Amino acid sequence: MAVQACYTFKVTRGFTLIEVLIALFVASLLVAFVTIVVGTIKVVRDASYENIAFHVAEDKLDELRAVGYASLTSGGSFSSPELVRIPQGSASTSIRAVNSKTKEVSAGVSWSGNDGTTRVVSLTTLVTETGGL
């Protein structure tokens, strides 16, 4: 007596519509996440460069205030060790007489931003002959 087993196999190939839609949804979420992360990194980097430039300009103004009114003769470019931390960083000062006892002193730092544009931070203060500002 022989027992014969009969098996039926149903072979399906490919993906169902639901599986394809879920895969597309997951892929689109991944692309959106990567785009947001890359954009955030660029914004944070630009903010970091701006912060460095602000501190360079602030330090230069403090230095110029400390030398006194009589020593403020002319402006021009200056160097700072922090400038190497920003891309194509350069810095300069300008000094202008407001009246016979007051000078306006400006310090500016420029660099190349992530988008290729030139970014600038400029700070201005007044220095008087007798002090007070």
N, C-alpha and C. Protein backbone atom coordinates (compact mmCIF):
# COMPACT_ATOMS: atom_id res chain seq x y z
N MET A 1 0.83 -1.14 0.00
CA MET A 1 0.00 0.00 0.00
C MET A 1 0.90 1.24 0.00
N ALA A 2 0.78 2.04 -0.97
CA ALA A 2 1.60 3.24 -1.14
C ALA A 2 0.76 4.46 -0.85
N VAL A 3 1.35 5.33 -0.05
CA VAL A 3 0.69 6.61 0.26
C VAL A 3 1.39 7.68 -0.57
N GLN A 4 0.59 8.35 -1.23
CA GLN A 4 1.14 9.37 -2.11
C GLN A 4 0.74 10.74 -1.55
N ALA A 5 1.72 11.59 -1.31
CA ALA A 5 1.45 12.93 -0.81
C ALA A 5 1.42 13.89 -1.98
N CYS A 6 0.51 14.79 -1.91
CA CYS A 6 0.37 15.77 -2.97
C CYS A 6 0.51 17.16 -2.35
N TYR A 7 1.52 17.84 -2.78
CA TYR A 7 1.75 19.20 -2.29
C TYR A 7 1.57 20.17 -3.43
N THR A 8 0.94 21.26 -3.10
CA THR A 8 0.77 22.31 -4.10
C THR A 8 1.50 23.56 -3.62
N PHE A 9 2.37 24.03 -4.42
CA PHE A 9 3.10 25.25 -4.09
C PHE A 9 2.63 26.37 -5.00
N LYS A 10 2.33 27.51 -4.33
CA LYS A 10 1.95 28.68 -5.11
C LYS A 10 3.14 29.64 -5.06
N VAL A 11 3.72 29.89 -6.18
CA VAL A 11 4.87 30.76 -6.27
C VAL A 11 4.40 32.13 -6.70
N THR A 12 4.67 33.12 -5.81
CA THR A 12 4.32 34.50 -6.18
C THR A 12 5.62 35.29 -6.29
N ARG A 13 5.69 36.07 -7.28
CA ARG A 13 6.87 36.88 -7.50
C ARG A 13 6.48 38.35 -7.50
N GLY A 14 7.41 39.21 -6.99
CA GLY A 14 7.15 40.65 -6.99
C GLY A 14 6.64 41.12 -5.64
N PHE A 15 6.22 42.36 -5.63
CA PHE A 15 5.75 42.99 -4.41
C PHE A 15 4.31 43.42 -4.58
N THR A 16 3.62 43.50 -3.46
CA THR A 16 2.25 44.00 -3.52
C THR A 16 2.28 45.52 -3.55
N LEU A 17 1.18 46.11 -3.89
CA LEU A 17 1.08 47.57 -3.96
C LEU A 17 1.34 48.19 -2.58
N ILE A 18 0.86 47.58 -1.55
CA ILE A 18 1.06 48.09 -0.19
C ILE A 18 2.55 48.08 0.16
N GLU A 19 3.25 47.03 -0.16
CA GLU A 19 4.69 46.95 0.13
C GLU A 19 5.46 48.04 -0.61
N VAL A 20 5.10 48.29 -1.84
CA VAL A 20 5.75 49.33 -2.63
C VAL A 20 5.47 50.71 -2.03
N LEU A 21 4.24 50.97 -1.63
CA LEU A 21 3.88 52.26 -1.04
C LEU A 21 4.61 52.48 0.29
N ILE A 22 4.71 51.45 1.09
CA ILE A 22 5.43 51.58 2.37
C ILE A 22 6.91 51.85 2.12
N ALA A 23 7.50 51.17 1.16
CA ALA A 23 8.91 51.39 0.84
C ALA A 23 9.15 52.82 0.34
N LEU A 24 8.25 53.33 -0.49
CA LEU A 24 8.37 54.71 -0.99
C LEU A 24 8.22 55.72 0.15
N PHE A 25 7.32 55.45 1.07
CA PHE A 25 7.10 56.32 2.22
C PHE A 25 8.35 56.38 3.10
N VAL A 26 8.93 55.23 3.38
CA VAL A 26 10.14 55.18 4.21
C VAL A 26 11.30 55.89 3.50
N ALA A 27 11.44 55.68 2.21
CA ALA A 27 12.51 56.33 1.45
C ALA A 27 12.34 57.85 1.44
N SER A 28 11.11 58.32 1.29
CA SER A 28 10.88 59.77 1.28
C SER A 28 11.14 60.38 2.65
N LEU A 29 10.83 59.67 3.72
CA LEU A 29 11.16 60.15 5.06
C LEU A 29 12.66 60.26 5.25
N LEU A 30 13.38 59.29 4.75
CA LEU A 30 14.84 59.31 4.85
C LEU A 30 15.44 60.48 4.09
N VAL A 31 14.95 60.73 2.90
CA VAL A 31 15.45 61.87 2.09
C VAL A 31 15.15 63.19 2.80
N ALA A 32 13.95 63.32 3.34
CA ALA A 32 13.58 64.55 4.06
C ALA A 32 14.48 64.75 5.29
N PHE A 33 14.73 63.69 6.01
CA PHE A 33 15.58 63.78 7.20
C PHE A 33 17.00 64.20 6.84
N VAL A 34 17.57 63.61 5.81
CA VAL A 34 18.93 63.95 5.38
C VAL A 34 18.99 65.41 4.93
N THR A 35 17.99 65.87 4.20
CA THR A 35 17.94 67.26 3.74
C THR A 35 17.91 68.23 4.92
N ILE A 36 17.12 67.93 5.92
CA ILE A 36 17.02 68.78 7.10
C ILE A 36 18.35 68.79 7.86
N VAL A 37 18.97 67.66 8.01
CA VAL A 37 20.24 67.58 8.74
C VAL A 37 21.33 68.37 8.02
N VAL A 38 21.43 68.23 6.71
CA VAL A 38 22.45 68.95 5.94
C VAL A 38 22.21 70.46 6.04
N GLY A 39 20.97 70.89 5.93
CA GLY A 39 20.65 72.32 6.05
C GLY A 39 20.99 72.86 7.43
N THR A 40 20.70 72.08 8.45
CA THR A 40 21.00 72.49 9.83
C THR A 40 22.50 72.62 10.04
N ILE A 41 23.26 71.70 9.49
CA ILE A 41 24.72 71.76 9.63
C ILE A 41 25.26 73.04 9.00
N LYS A 42 24.75 73.43 7.85
CA LYS A 42 25.21 74.66 7.19
C LYS A 42 24.86 75.89 8.01
N VAL A 43 23.67 75.93 8.57
CA VAL A 43 23.25 77.07 9.39
C VAL A 43 24.10 77.18 10.65
N VAL A 44 24.36 76.06 11.28
CA VAL A 44 25.18 76.06 12.50
C VAL A 44 26.61 76.50 12.18
N ARG A 45 27.15 76.06 11.07
CA ARG A 45 28.50 76.45 10.68
C ARG A 45 28.57 77.96 10.41
N ASP A 46 27.59 78.50 9.70
CA ASP A 46 27.56 79.95 9.45
C ASP A 46 27.45 80.73 10.76
N ALA A 47 26.64 80.25 11.68
CA ALA A 47 26.50 80.92 12.97
C ALA A 47 27.81 80.88 13.75
N SER A 48 28.53 79.79 13.65
CA SER A 48 29.82 79.67 14.32
C SER A 48 30.82 80.67 13.74
N TYR A 49 30.86 80.79 12.42
CA TYR A 49 31.75 81.76 11.77
C TYR A 49 31.38 83.19 12.19
N GLU A 50 30.10 83.46 12.25
CA GLU A 50 29.65 84.80 12.64
C GLU A 50 30.06 85.10 14.08
N ASN A 51 29.96 84.13 14.95
CA ASN A 51 30.35 84.30 16.34
C ASN A 51 31.85 84.59 16.45
N ILE A 52 32.66 83.86 15.70
CA ILE A 52 34.11 84.10 15.71
C ILE A 52 34.40 85.52 15.21
N ALA A 53 33.76 85.92 14.11
CA ALA A 53 33.98 87.25 13.55
C ALA A 53 33.57 88.34 14.54
N PHE A 54 32.47 88.13 15.23
CA PHE A 54 32.02 89.10 16.23
C PHE A 54 33.07 89.27 17.33
N HIS A 55 33.62 88.16 17.80
CA HIS A 55 34.63 88.24 18.86
C HIS A 55 35.93 88.89 18.38
N VAL A 56 36.32 88.65 17.15
CA VAL A 56 37.52 89.29 16.60
C VAL A 56 37.31 90.81 16.55
N ALA A 57 36.17 91.24 16.05
CA ALA A 57 35.88 92.68 15.97
C ALA A 57 35.77 93.30 17.36
N GLU A 58 35.13 92.61 18.27
CA GLU A 58 34.98 93.11 19.64
C GLU A 58 36.35 93.24 20.33
N ASP A 59 37.20 92.25 20.17
CA ASP A 59 38.54 92.32 20.76
C ASP A 59 39.35 93.48 20.20
N LYS A 60 39.22 93.72 18.90
CA LYS A 60 39.96 94.83 18.29
C LYS A 60 39.45 96.17 18.82
N LEU A 61 38.15 96.32 18.96
CA LEU A 61 37.61 97.57 19.51
C LEU A 61 38.07 97.78 20.94
N ASP A 62 38.09 96.72 21.73
CA ASP A 62 38.59 96.83 23.11
C ASP A 62 40.05 97.28 23.12
N GLU A 63 40.83 96.72 22.21
CA GLU A 63 42.25 97.09 22.11
C GLU A 63 42.40 98.56 21.72
N LEU A 64 41.59 99.03 20.76
CA LEU A 64 41.68 100.42 20.32
C LEU A 64 41.19 101.38 21.41
N ARG A 65 40.18 101.00 22.16
CA ARG A 65 39.73 101.83 23.28
C ARG A 65 40.83 101.96 24.33
N ALA A 66 41.57 100.87 24.55
CA ALA A 66 42.61 100.86 25.59
C ALA A 66 43.80 101.75 25.23
N VAL A 67 44.12 101.91 23.93
CA VAL A 67 45.27 102.72 23.56
C VAL A 67 45.00 104.21 23.73
N GLY A 68 43.74 104.61 23.76
CA GLY A 68 43.41 106.01 24.01
C GLY A 68 43.15 106.81 22.76
N TYR A 69 42.52 107.94 22.98
CA TYR A 69 42.09 108.84 21.91
C TYR A 69 43.26 109.32 21.06
N ALA A 70 44.34 109.74 21.69
CA ALA A 70 45.47 110.33 20.96
C ALA A 70 46.14 109.32 20.02
N SER A 71 46.09 108.06 20.35
CA SER A 71 46.75 107.04 19.53
C SER A 71 45.92 106.59 18.33
N LEU A 72 44.67 107.02 18.26
CA LEU A 72 43.79 106.63 17.16
C LEU A 72 44.03 107.54 15.97
N THR A 73 44.94 107.15 15.10
CA THR A 73 45.29 108.01 13.97
C THR A 73 44.69 107.54 12.65
N SER A 74 44.81 106.26 12.36
CA SER A 74 44.28 105.78 11.09
C SER A 74 43.86 104.31 11.22
N GLY A 75 43.02 103.91 10.34
CA GLY A 75 42.55 102.53 10.32
C GLY A 75 43.35 101.71 9.34
N GLY A 76 42.87 100.52 9.08
CA GLY A 76 43.53 99.64 8.12
C GLY A 76 43.28 98.20 8.50
N SER A 77 43.85 97.32 7.73
CA SER A 77 43.61 95.90 8.00
C SER A 77 44.41 95.46 9.22
N PHE A 78 43.92 94.43 9.87
CA PHE A 78 44.63 93.87 11.02
C PHE A 78 44.49 92.37 11.00
N SER A 79 45.32 91.72 11.79
CA SER A 79 45.32 90.27 11.83
C SER A 79 44.94 89.79 13.23
N SER A 80 44.40 88.61 13.27
CA SER A 80 44.03 87.97 14.53
C SER A 80 44.22 86.46 14.35
N PRO A 81 44.67 85.77 15.39
CA PRO A 81 44.82 84.31 15.27
C PRO A 81 43.49 83.60 15.00
N GLU A 82 42.40 84.22 15.38
CA GLU A 82 41.08 83.61 15.19
C GLU A 82 40.61 83.66 13.73
N LEU A 83 41.19 84.54 12.93
CA LEU A 83 40.76 84.68 11.53
C LEU A 83 41.00 83.42 10.72
N VAL A 84 41.96 82.60 11.11
CA VAL A 84 42.22 81.38 10.36
C VAL A 84 41.10 80.36 10.53
N ARG A 85 40.24 80.56 11.52
CA ARG A 85 39.14 79.63 11.77
C ARG A 85 37.92 79.89 10.89
N ILE A 86 37.93 80.99 10.14
CA ILE A 86 36.82 81.28 9.24
C ILE A 86 37.35 81.33 7.80
N PRO A 87 36.57 80.85 6.84
CA PRO A 87 37.05 80.77 5.45
C PRO A 87 37.28 82.15 4.83
N GLN A 88 38.46 82.37 4.32
CA GLN A 88 38.85 83.61 3.66
C GLN A 88 38.58 84.82 4.54
N GLY A 89 38.88 84.69 5.83
CA GLY A 89 38.62 85.77 6.77
C GLY A 89 39.60 86.92 6.63
N SER A 90 39.06 88.13 6.69
CA SER A 90 39.89 89.33 6.69
C SER A 90 39.24 90.35 7.61
N ALA A 91 40.06 91.26 8.13
CA ALA A 91 39.56 92.23 9.10
C ALA A 91 40.19 93.58 8.87
N SER A 92 39.44 94.64 9.19
CA SER A 92 39.97 95.99 9.05
C SER A 92 39.27 96.93 10.03
N THR A 93 39.93 98.05 10.25
CA THR A 93 39.35 99.10 11.10
C THR A 93 39.27 100.39 10.32
N SER A 94 38.38 101.25 10.75
CA SER A 94 38.33 102.61 10.20
C SER A 94 38.10 103.56 11.37
N ILE A 95 38.74 104.71 11.28
CA ILE A 95 38.65 105.73 12.33
C ILE A 95 38.27 107.04 11.66
N ARG A 96 37.25 107.67 12.21
CA ARG A 96 36.74 108.91 11.63
C ARG A 96 36.47 109.90 12.75
N ALA A 97 36.87 111.12 12.55
CA ALA A 97 36.63 112.16 13.55
C ALA A 97 35.17 112.61 13.45
N VAL A 98 34.47 112.53 14.58
CA VAL A 98 33.08 113.00 14.63
C VAL A 98 33.08 114.49 14.92
N ASN A 99 33.90 114.92 15.88
CA ASN A 99 34.13 116.33 16.19
C ASN A 99 35.54 116.45 16.77
N SER A 100 35.87 117.58 17.35
CA SER A 100 37.24 117.79 17.82
C SER A 100 37.63 116.94 19.02
N LYS A 101 36.65 116.35 19.70
CA LYS A 101 36.95 115.56 20.89
C LYS A 101 36.41 114.13 20.83
N THR A 102 35.87 113.73 19.69
CA THR A 102 35.26 112.39 19.58
C THR A 102 35.64 111.77 18.24
N LYS A 103 36.00 110.49 18.30
CA LYS A 103 36.29 109.72 17.09
C LYS A 103 35.38 108.49 17.05
N GLU A 104 34.95 108.17 15.85
CA GLU A 104 34.15 106.96 15.62
C GLU A 104 35.11 105.87 15.14
N VAL A 105 35.12 104.75 15.84
CA VAL A 105 36.02 103.64 15.50
C VAL A 105 35.18 102.44 15.11
N SER A 106 35.46 101.87 13.94
CA SER A 106 34.73 100.70 13.46
C SER A 106 35.71 99.56 13.21
N ALA A 107 35.28 98.36 13.53
CA ALA A 107 36.06 97.16 13.23
C ALA A 107 35.15 96.21 12.46
N GLY A 108 35.62 95.74 11.32
CA GLY A 108 34.83 94.85 10.49
C GLY A 108 35.58 93.59 10.15
N VAL A 109 34.84 92.49 10.10
CA VAL A 109 35.42 91.20 9.72
C VAL A 109 34.56 90.63 8.60
N SER A 110 35.19 90.18 7.53
CA SER A 110 34.44 89.58 6.42
C SER A 110 34.99 88.18 6.15
N TRP A 111 34.12 87.34 5.61
CA TRP A 111 34.50 85.97 5.28
C TRP A 111 33.55 85.44 4.21
N SER A 112 33.90 84.31 3.65
CA SER A 112 33.08 83.67 2.63
C SER A 112 32.11 82.71 3.31
N GLY A 113 30.82 82.96 3.13
CA GLY A 113 29.80 82.12 3.73
C GLY A 113 29.66 80.79 3.00
N ASN A 114 28.88 79.88 3.59
CA ASN A 114 28.67 78.56 2.99
C ASN A 114 28.00 78.63 1.63
N ASP A 115 27.21 79.67 1.40
CA ASP A 115 26.52 79.79 0.12
C ASP A 115 27.35 80.56 -0.91
N GLY A 116 28.60 80.91 -0.55
CA GLY A 116 29.48 81.59 -1.49
C GLY A 116 29.43 83.10 -1.41
N THR A 117 28.50 83.65 -0.65
CA THR A 117 28.41 85.10 -0.53
C THR A 117 29.38 85.59 0.54
N THR A 118 29.75 86.84 0.44
CA THR A 118 30.62 87.44 1.44
C THR A 118 29.78 87.91 2.61
N ARG A 119 30.13 87.46 3.78
CA ARG A 119 29.43 87.83 5.01
C ARG A 119 30.29 88.84 5.76
N VAL A 120 29.66 89.75 6.50
CA VAL A 120 30.38 90.81 7.19
C VAL A 120 29.78 91.03 8.57
N VAL A 121 30.66 91.21 9.55
CA VAL A 121 30.28 91.67 10.88
C VAL A 121 31.02 92.98 11.10
N SER A 122 30.29 94.01 11.49
CA SER A 122 30.91 95.31 11.72
C SER A 122 30.42 95.87 13.05
N LEU A 123 31.36 96.32 13.87
CA LEU A 123 31.03 96.93 15.15
C LEU A 123 31.61 98.34 15.18
N THR A 124 30.87 99.27 15.80
CA THR A 124 31.30 100.66 15.86
C THR A 124 31.16 101.17 17.28
N THR A 125 32.12 102.01 17.68
CA THR A 125 32.07 102.64 18.99
C THR A 125 32.60 104.07 18.87
N LEU A 126 32.36 104.86 19.90
CA LEU A 126 32.91 106.21 19.97
C LEU A 126 33.97 106.26 21.06
N VAL A 127 35.05 106.96 20.76
CA VAL A 127 36.11 107.17 21.74
C VAL A 127 36.29 108.68 21.88
N THR A 128 36.25 109.15 23.13
CA THR A 128 36.37 110.59 23.36
C THR A 128 37.74 110.92 23.92
N GLU A 129 38.09 112.17 23.79
CA GLU A 129 39.38 112.65 24.25
C GLU A 129 39.50 112.56 25.77
N THR A 130 38.41 112.82 26.47
CA THR A 130 38.47 112.85 27.93
C THR A 130 37.87 111.61 28.57
N GLY A 131 37.46 110.63 27.80
CA GLY A 131 36.86 109.42 28.35
C GLY A 131 35.36 109.60 28.53
N GLY A 132 34.74 108.59 29.06
CA GLY A 132 33.31 108.67 29.30
C GLY A 132 32.48 107.78 28.39
N LEU A 133 32.99 107.37 27.25
CA LEU A 133 32.24 106.47 26.37
C LEU A 133 32.92 105.14 26.28
